[in-house]
Amino acid sequence: MFTSQTSSFQDSIDVDEKDDFDNEEITGYNQKQLNCYYTIYLYQGTSLTLVDSSLPSEAEPELRCYISRRLSKGALLGGMGNIATVELSVPEQAVGCYCCLLEQERSPEQPDADGNGYVVCLMGGSEKGLNLFRLELDKYVQGIQSSLQTPELQNLETEVRPYLSRWYEESVMHMHRVVQLVQGSISFLLHAALSHTPVDVINTDDSTKADVARFIKAASLQGLVQEDTTTASLCKAISEDPPSDLTIDCSTSPPTLSNTVSNRFCDEWIQAFLNAAERFNPFLLRQILENFKLKAIQDMNSLKRFIRQAEMSHYALFRCCLFLQGCGNGDVLLQNAQAEHAGFPEACSIIRVLDEFLAEQAPQGAPAR
């Protein structure tokens, strides 16, 4: 049982050698070598008018033809990002392209002005890589909509162009900056994200605080597990005492972390994150994070299955104990399980037994793992 469990864990850490990341984005990858581009068009009726672009002059008409075809097929819906591979006259030849139609609000004078607005295109890396950051890209592009109020765009040079030029740094590289910031302490952030522990970043700028907040949100399982339990219910699941905030004090280098909690499961992912950070590859970092979350969800589902079986079988309860002891993430799994089974007395009694078992197995003075 434990052999297959270890093998499954190693598979979840390793990225397939045949993956796109290994070919075009990992080998010899360097942050300075990745070319990123943006283009913004004014869309009126069926016509596209170039507003601004960082693409080479020969590549922009090719992109415009591609966008026109997408619009004619109804493939770009207002406010919804679309990601694909586009072949352009750029050094990479084929790049991942995120494009989004930002529709203008209808005015009383033009109630039928459907489809009018701006098309924003962000290009760089691969299609698969950009797909990992779809939510961040959606949010980033939505953030510019308030600046696109008039066709003249008098704020092009002061607001729009600088904003679009930073899309890669702001929407993708934040994950790399966080790993570089905390280094081997990344396991404490991973545990905080899984256990819904608040994270307080002090003595630093707003940009670093935003980076950490986005990392924690990306690592969290809220919305992915079967029951989207609230932070309050999770905090009460194992103990009546709410967990102390994880504090990251950036007044020192490296930062000083206090109220730190981790477990064997989170610790085992440290090296994978550090290796990817050394290669300056945010796409690999995000894939590793997604694999981390997938393994945590798989273990949560396994525990729920064991708990259901343990209601009818003492042997299944024994299997629960062995599973929690072997997975290294018992404290987090039980915390979520008790929150999800709050209305089921039999399951809660089983979880209390399991919690006592973990407490007995933990080293003296250490939290249950």
Protein backbone atom coordinates (compact mmCIF):
# COMPACT_ATOMS: atom_id res chain seq x y z
CA MET A 1 0.00 0.00 0.00
CA PHE A 2 2.72 2.46 0.99
CA THR A 3 4.86 1.58 -2.04
CA SER A 4 2.10 2.51 -4.47
CA GLN A 5 1.32 5.61 -2.43
CA THR A 6 4.95 6.75 -2.64
CA SER A 7 5.03 6.07 -6.37
CA SER A 8 1.84 8.08 -6.88
CA PHE A 9 3.30 10.97 -4.89
CA GLN A 10 6.51 10.98 -6.95
CA ASP A 11 4.48 10.93 -10.16
CA SER A 12 2.56 13.96 -8.98
CA ILE A 13 5.78 15.92 -8.34
CA ASP A 14 7.49 14.96 -11.59
CA VAL A 15 6.49 16.80 -14.75
CA ASP A 16 6.30 14.56 -17.80
CA GLU A 17 9.54 14.77 -19.76
CA LYS A 18 7.50 14.98 -22.97
CA ASP A 19 5.58 17.97 -21.67
CA ASP A 20 5.64 21.23 -23.60
CA PHE A 21 7.33 22.87 -20.64
CA ASP A 22 10.34 20.59 -20.96
CA ASN A 23 10.75 21.32 -24.66
CA GLU A 24 10.29 25.01 -25.23
CA GLU A 25 10.08 26.53 -21.79
CA ILE A 26 12.38 24.66 -19.46
CA THR A 27 15.50 23.75 -21.41
CA GLY A 28 17.76 26.79 -21.31
CA TYR A 29 14.86 28.87 -20.05
CA ASN A 30 15.72 32.29 -18.69
CA GLN A 31 13.39 35.06 -17.66
CA LYS A 32 15.20 37.54 -19.91
CA GLN A 33 14.92 35.26 -22.93
CA LEU A 34 11.12 35.04 -22.99
CA ASN A 35 9.68 37.57 -25.40
CA CYS A 36 6.29 38.90 -24.40
CA TYR A 37 4.00 40.99 -26.54
CA TYR A 38 0.68 42.80 -26.33
CA THR A 39 -1.73 44.29 -28.84
CA ILE A 40 -4.96 46.19 -28.38
CA TYR A 41 -7.56 46.82 -31.10
CA LEU A 42 -10.65 48.99 -31.24
CA TYR A 43 -13.53 46.81 -32.38
CA GLN A 44 -16.50 48.50 -34.04
CA GLY A 45 -19.10 46.47 -35.84
CA THR A 46 -16.96 44.14 -37.92
CA SER A 47 -13.78 46.22 -38.20
CA LEU A 48 -10.61 46.13 -36.14
CA THR A 49 -8.50 49.26 -35.74
CA LEU A 50 -5.03 49.00 -34.25
CA VAL A 51 -4.63 51.08 -31.10
CA ASP A 52 -1.21 49.92 -29.87
CA SER A 53 1.09 46.92 -30.17
CA SER A 54 4.52 45.74 -29.09
CA LEU A 55 4.65 43.15 -31.88
CA PRO A 56 7.11 43.52 -34.77
CA SER A 57 5.48 45.47 -37.61
CA GLU A 58 5.31 42.41 -39.86
CA ALA A 59 3.59 40.29 -37.19
CA GLU A 60 0.75 42.61 -36.25
CA PRO A 61 -1.24 42.21 -39.54
CA GLU A 62 -1.01 38.43 -39.08
CA LEU A 63 -2.47 38.71 -35.62
CA ARG A 64 -5.21 41.01 -36.89
CA CYS A 65 -6.24 38.43 -39.51
CA TYR A 66 -6.37 35.76 -36.82
CA ILE A 67 -8.51 37.91 -34.50
CA SER A 68 -10.84 38.86 -37.36
CA ARG A 69 -11.45 35.18 -38.12
CA ARG A 70 -12.17 34.46 -34.46
CA LEU A 71 -14.62 37.32 -34.25
CA SER A 72 -16.41 36.32 -37.46
CA LYS A 73 -16.94 32.83 -36.02
CA GLY A 74 -18.26 34.22 -32.74
CA ALA A 75 -15.35 32.63 -30.89
CA LEU A 76 -14.64 35.71 -28.76
CA LEU A 77 -17.31 36.38 -26.17
CA GLY A 78 -17.38 39.59 -24.20
CA GLY A 79 -15.31 39.41 -21.02
CA MET A 80 -14.20 35.79 -21.55
CA GLY A 81 -10.54 35.15 -22.34
CA ASN A 82 -9.58 32.78 -25.13
CA ILE A 83 -6.17 31.09 -25.35
CA ALA A 84 -4.68 29.48 -28.44
CA THR A 85 -1.42 29.00 -30.32
CA VAL A 86 -0.79 31.62 -33.00
CA GLU A 87 1.86 31.51 -35.72
CA LEU A 88 3.39 34.94 -36.23
CA SER A 89 6.52 36.51 -37.68
CA VAL A 90 8.31 36.56 -34.34
CA PRO A 91 11.47 34.71 -33.25
CA GLU A 92 9.37 32.02 -31.55
CA GLN A 93 7.26 31.53 -34.71
CA ALA A 94 4.41 30.07 -32.64
CA VAL A 95 3.38 31.62 -29.34
CA GLY A 96 0.57 31.29 -26.84
CA CYS A 97 -1.98 34.05 -27.32
CA TYR A 98 -4.56 35.18 -24.76
CA CYS A 99 -7.23 37.43 -26.27
CA CYS A 100 -10.29 38.98 -24.69
CA LEU A 101 -13.09 41.18 -26.02
CA LEU A 102 -13.89 43.99 -23.61
CA GLU A 103 -17.28 45.30 -24.66
CA GLN A 104 -18.17 48.92 -24.12
CA GLU A 105 -21.20 49.72 -22.05
CA ARG A 106 -24.26 50.52 -24.14
CA SER A 107 -25.30 54.13 -24.19
CA PRO A 108 -28.88 55.40 -24.60
CA GLU A 109 -27.86 56.81 -27.98
CA GLN A 110 -26.59 53.38 -29.19
CA PRO A 111 -28.71 50.69 -27.52
CA ASP A 112 -27.94 48.14 -30.23
CA ALA A 113 -24.16 48.59 -30.28
CA ASP A 114 -23.42 44.92 -29.65
CA GLY A 115 -19.81 43.84 -29.88
CA ASN A 116 -18.28 47.30 -29.83
CA GLY A 117 -15.26 47.58 -27.57
CA TYR A 118 -11.62 46.61 -27.44
CA VAL A 119 -9.81 43.35 -28.14
CA VAL A 120 -6.78 42.87 -25.89
CA CYS A 121 -4.17 40.28 -26.89
CA LEU A 122 -1.32 39.09 -24.66
CA MET A 123 1.31 36.82 -26.21
CA GLY A 124 4.22 34.86 -24.81
CA GLY A 125 5.26 31.34 -23.89
CA SER A 126 3.00 28.50 -24.96
CA GLU A 127 -0.74 27.93 -25.08
CA LYS A 128 -0.46 25.33 -22.34
CA GLY A 129 1.58 27.67 -20.16
CA LEU A 130 -0.86 30.56 -20.47
CA ASN A 131 -3.77 28.26 -19.71
CA LEU A 132 -2.28 27.69 -16.26
CA PHE A 133 -2.67 31.42 -15.57
CA ARG A 134 -6.06 31.94 -17.17
CA LEU A 135 -7.71 33.32 -14.03
CA GLU A 136 -4.87 35.77 -13.42
CA LEU A 137 -4.97 36.93 -17.05
CA ASP A 138 -8.75 37.36 -16.94
CA LYS A 139 -8.47 39.51 -13.84
CA TYR A 140 -5.57 41.54 -15.23
CA VAL A 141 -7.32 42.36 -18.48
CA GLN A 142 -10.52 43.25 -16.66
CA GLY A 143 -8.45 45.70 -14.65
CA ILE A 144 -7.83 47.89 -17.68
CA GLN A 145 -11.47 48.19 -18.75
CA SER A 146 -12.06 51.37 -16.74
CA SER A 147 -9.20 53.03 -18.66
CA LEU A 148 -10.79 52.25 -22.03
CA GLN A 149 -13.65 54.71 -21.89
CA THR A 150 -13.18 56.70 -25.12
CA PRO A 151 -12.01 55.77 -28.63
CA GLU A 152 -9.41 58.53 -28.47
CA LEU A 153 -7.64 56.91 -25.54
CA GLN A 154 -5.87 60.06 -24.45
CA ASN A 155 -4.37 58.04 -21.59
CA LEU A 156 -2.69 55.56 -23.95
CA GLU A 157 0.88 56.51 -23.09
CA THR A 158 0.31 57.25 -19.42
CA GLU A 159 -1.96 54.34 -18.42
CA VAL A 160 -2.87 51.80 -21.09
CA ARG A 161 0.54 51.11 -22.62
CA PRO A 162 2.43 50.81 -19.30
CA TYR A 163 -0.32 48.56 -17.93
CA LEU A 164 -0.30 46.18 -20.88
CA SER A 165 3.50 46.14 -20.96
CA ARG A 166 3.54 44.71 -17.41
CA TRP A 167 1.13 41.84 -18.04
CA TYR A 168 3.74 39.08 -17.80
CA GLU A 169 5.42 40.47 -14.68
CA GLU A 170 2.12 41.05 -12.92
CA SER A 171 0.06 38.03 -14.01
CA VAL A 172 2.67 35.28 -14.35
CA MET A 173 5.96 36.05 -12.59
CA HIS A 174 4.43 36.68 -9.15
CA MET A 175 4.66 32.97 -8.36
CA HIS A 176 8.39 32.95 -9.09
CA ARG A 177 8.94 36.07 -6.96
CA VAL A 178 7.22 34.47 -3.96
CA VAL A 179 9.31 31.28 -4.14
CA GLN A 180 12.47 33.37 -4.52
CA LEU A 181 11.40 35.47 -1.53
CA VAL A 182 10.78 32.66 0.99
CA GLN A 183 12.94 29.91 -0.55
CA GLY A 184 12.78 26.74 1.59
CA SER A 185 10.06 28.25 3.75
CA ILE A 186 7.59 27.79 0.87
CA SER A 187 6.18 24.76 2.72
CA PHE A 188 4.74 27.08 5.39
CA LEU A 189 2.84 29.02 2.72
CA LEU A 190 1.58 25.79 1.15
CA HIS A 191 0.32 24.55 4.52
CA ALA A 192 -1.31 27.91 5.24
CA ALA A 193 -3.13 27.77 1.92
CA LEU A 194 -4.41 24.22 2.51
CA SER A 195 -5.48 24.93 6.10
CA HIS A 196 -7.01 28.35 5.36
CA THR A 197 -4.61 30.05 7.77
CA PRO A 198 -4.43 33.84 7.27
CA VAL A 199 -1.06 35.15 6.07
CA ASP A 200 0.17 38.58 7.14
CA VAL A 201 3.04 40.17 5.19
CA ILE A 202 4.65 43.11 6.97
CA ASN A 203 7.43 45.66 6.41
CA THR A 204 7.30 45.55 2.64
CA ASP A 205 5.59 47.21 -0.32
CA ASP A 206 2.08 46.59 -1.59
CA SER A 207 3.41 44.73 -4.62
CA THR A 208 5.04 42.02 -2.50
CA LYS A 209 1.92 41.73 -0.36
CA ALA A 210 -0.16 41.28 -3.51
CA ASP A 211 2.26 38.62 -4.82
CA VAL A 212 1.93 36.56 -1.63
CA ALA A 213 -1.85 36.96 -1.58
CA ARG A 214 -2.10 35.71 -5.16
CA PHE A 215 0.16 32.76 -4.39
CA ILE A 216 -1.96 31.76 -1.39
CA LYS A 217 -5.14 32.06 -3.44
CA ALA A 218 -3.67 29.93 -6.23
CA ALA A 219 -2.58 27.26 -3.73
CA SER A 220 -5.90 27.17 -1.90
CA LEU A 221 -8.44 24.41 -2.50
CA GLN A 222 -11.49 26.60 -1.92
CA GLY A 223 -13.99 25.98 -4.67
CA LEU A 224 -12.27 22.74 -5.71
CA VAL A 225 -13.25 20.37 -2.92
CA GLN A 226 -16.75 18.92 -2.79
CA GLU A 227 -17.87 21.18 0.04
CA ASP A 228 -16.65 24.78 -0.13
CA THR A 229 -16.35 25.13 3.60
CA THR A 230 -15.84 28.51 5.19
CA THR A 231 -12.63 29.56 6.86
CA ALA A 232 -14.42 29.81 10.21
CA SER A 233 -15.72 26.24 10.09
CA LEU A 234 -12.31 24.93 9.07
CA CYS A 235 -10.60 26.74 11.92
CA LYS A 236 -13.00 25.12 14.41
CA ALA A 237 -12.73 21.68 12.86
CA ILE A 238 -9.89 20.33 15.00
CA SER A 239 -9.48 22.88 17.78
CA GLU A 240 -11.55 25.56 19.42
CA ASP A 241 -8.51 27.84 19.28
CA PRO A 242 -8.22 29.67 15.95
CA PRO A 243 -4.82 29.29 14.27
CA SER A 244 -2.37 32.16 14.57
CA ASP A 245 -1.71 34.10 11.39
CA LEU A 246 1.42 33.11 9.51
CA THR A 247 3.54 36.29 9.58
CA ILE A 248 6.17 37.10 6.96
CA ASP A 249 8.41 39.94 8.13
CA CYS A 250 10.30 41.35 5.13
CA SER A 251 12.46 43.71 7.20
CA THR A 252 15.17 41.05 7.14
CA SER A 253 16.76 39.21 4.23
CA PRO A 254 15.68 36.50 3.90
CA PRO A 255 12.31 37.31 5.51
CA THR A 256 11.56 36.09 9.02
CA LEU A 257 8.50 33.83 9.29
CA SER A 258 6.68 33.33 12.58
CA ASN A 259 3.79 31.12 13.70
CA THR A 260 4.97 28.61 11.12
CA VAL A 261 3.24 25.26 10.69
CA SER A 262 4.01 22.63 8.09
CA ASN A 263 3.80 18.87 7.69
CA ARG A 264 5.63 16.12 5.86
CA PHE A 265 3.38 16.39 2.79
CA CYS A 266 4.18 20.09 2.28
CA ASP A 267 7.85 19.64 3.13
CA GLU A 268 8.27 17.02 0.42
CA TRP A 269 7.33 19.56 -2.26
CA ILE A 270 9.96 22.15 -1.27
CA GLN A 271 12.70 20.94 -3.60
CA ALA A 272 10.40 20.74 -6.62
CA PHE A 273 9.49 24.42 -6.16
CA LEU A 274 13.10 25.47 -5.61
CA ASN A 275 14.32 23.60 -8.68
CA ALA A 276 11.71 25.27 -10.88
CA ALA A 277 12.49 28.69 -9.41
CA GLU A 278 16.18 28.24 -10.22
CA ARG A 279 15.22 27.79 -13.86
CA PHE A 280 13.20 31.03 -13.82
CA ASN A 281 10.22 29.09 -15.11
CA PRO A 282 6.86 30.32 -13.78
CA PHE A 283 4.95 27.89 -16.01
CA LEU A 284 6.69 24.90 -14.44
CA LEU A 285 6.13 26.41 -10.99
CA ARG A 286 2.41 26.70 -11.67
CA GLN A 287 2.22 23.14 -13.00
CA ILE A 288 3.94 21.88 -9.85
CA LEU A 289 1.48 23.85 -7.74
CA GLU A 290 -1.45 22.34 -9.65
CA ASN A 291 0.02 18.86 -9.11
CA PHE A 292 0.38 19.65 -5.38
CA LYS A 293 -3.29 20.62 -5.18
CA LEU A 294 -4.38 17.59 -7.20
CA LYS A 295 -2.54 15.23 -4.84
CA ALA A 296 -4.11 16.95 -1.81
CA ILE A 297 -7.59 16.61 -3.33
CA GLN A 298 -7.00 12.94 -4.17
CA ASP A 299 -5.97 12.30 -0.56
CA MET A 300 -9.03 14.16 0.72
CA ASN A 301 -11.30 12.01 -1.43
CA SER A 302 -9.53 8.85 -0.25
CA LEU A 303 -10.01 9.85 3.39
CA LYS A 304 -13.71 10.56 2.84
CA ARG A 305 -14.12 7.14 1.27
CA PHE A 306 -12.32 5.48 4.21
CA ILE A 307 -14.49 7.38 6.71
CA ARG A 308 -17.67 6.15 5.01
CA GLN A 309 -16.34 2.59 5.13
CA ALA A 310 -15.22 2.97 8.75
CA GLU A 311 -18.81 3.62 9.82
CA MET A 312 -19.45 -0.07 9.10
CA SER A 313 -16.06 -1.70 9.57
CA HIS A 314 -13.36 -1.55 12.25
CA TYR A 315 -10.84 -2.73 9.67
CA ALA A 316 -11.65 0.29 7.52
CA LEU A 317 -10.99 2.48 10.56
CA PHE A 318 -7.59 0.82 10.86
CA ARG A 319 -6.97 1.55 7.16
CA CYS A 320 -7.88 5.20 7.86
CA CYS A 321 -5.21 5.34 10.54
CA LEU A 322 -2.59 3.81 8.26
CA PHE A 323 -3.51 6.18 5.44
CA LEU A 324 -3.27 9.29 7.61
CA GLN A 325 0.03 8.10 9.03
CA GLY A 326 1.47 7.50 5.58
CA CYS A 327 0.22 10.53 3.63
CA GLY A 328 1.95 13.14 5.79
CA ASN A 329 -0.99 15.54 5.50
CA GLY A 330 -3.24 14.20 8.21
CA ASP A 331 -3.79 17.47 10.07
CA VAL A 332 -5.10 19.23 6.95
CA LEU A 333 -7.16 16.27 5.78
CA LEU A 334 -8.88 15.86 9.13
CA GLN A 335 -9.51 19.58 9.39
CA ASN A 336 -11.35 19.57 6.08
CA ALA A 337 -13.08 16.25 6.78
CA GLN A 338 -14.54 17.42 10.09
CA ALA A 339 -15.79 20.65 8.52
CA GLU A 340 -17.46 18.71 5.70
CA HIS A 341 -19.01 16.10 8.01
CA ALA A 342 -20.20 18.53 10.70
CA GLY A 343 -23.81 17.37 10.31
CA PHE A 344 -23.04 13.64 10.50
CA PRO A 345 -22.52 12.45 14.11
CA GLU A 346 -21.15 9.00 13.19
CA ALA A 347 -18.55 10.44 10.86
CA CYS A 348 -17.58 13.08 13.44
CA SER A 349 -16.99 10.40 16.07
CA ILE A 350 -14.71 8.53 13.66
CA ILE A 351 -12.80 11.72 12.87
CA ARG A 352 -12.29 12.34 16.61
CA VAL A 353 -10.77 8.88 16.93
CA LEU A 354 -8.50 9.57 13.98
CA ASP A 355 -7.49 12.92 15.45
CA GLU A 356 -6.54 11.23 18.73
CA PHE A 357 -4.55 8.64 16.79
CA LEU A 358 -2.57 11.35 14.96
CA ALA A 359 -1.93 13.20 18.21
CA GLU A 360 -0.50 10.02 19.75
CA GLN A 361 1.70 9.37 16.72
CA ALA A 362 3.10 12.92 16.54
CA PRO A 363 6.57 13.55 18.04
CA GLN A 364 6.49 15.09 21.52
CA GLY A 365 5.64 18.78 21.25
CA ALA A 366 5.00 18.63 17.51
CA PRO A 367 1.63 19.13 15.77
CA ALA A 368 -0.17 16.10 14.34
CA ARG A 369 0.90 15.46 10.79
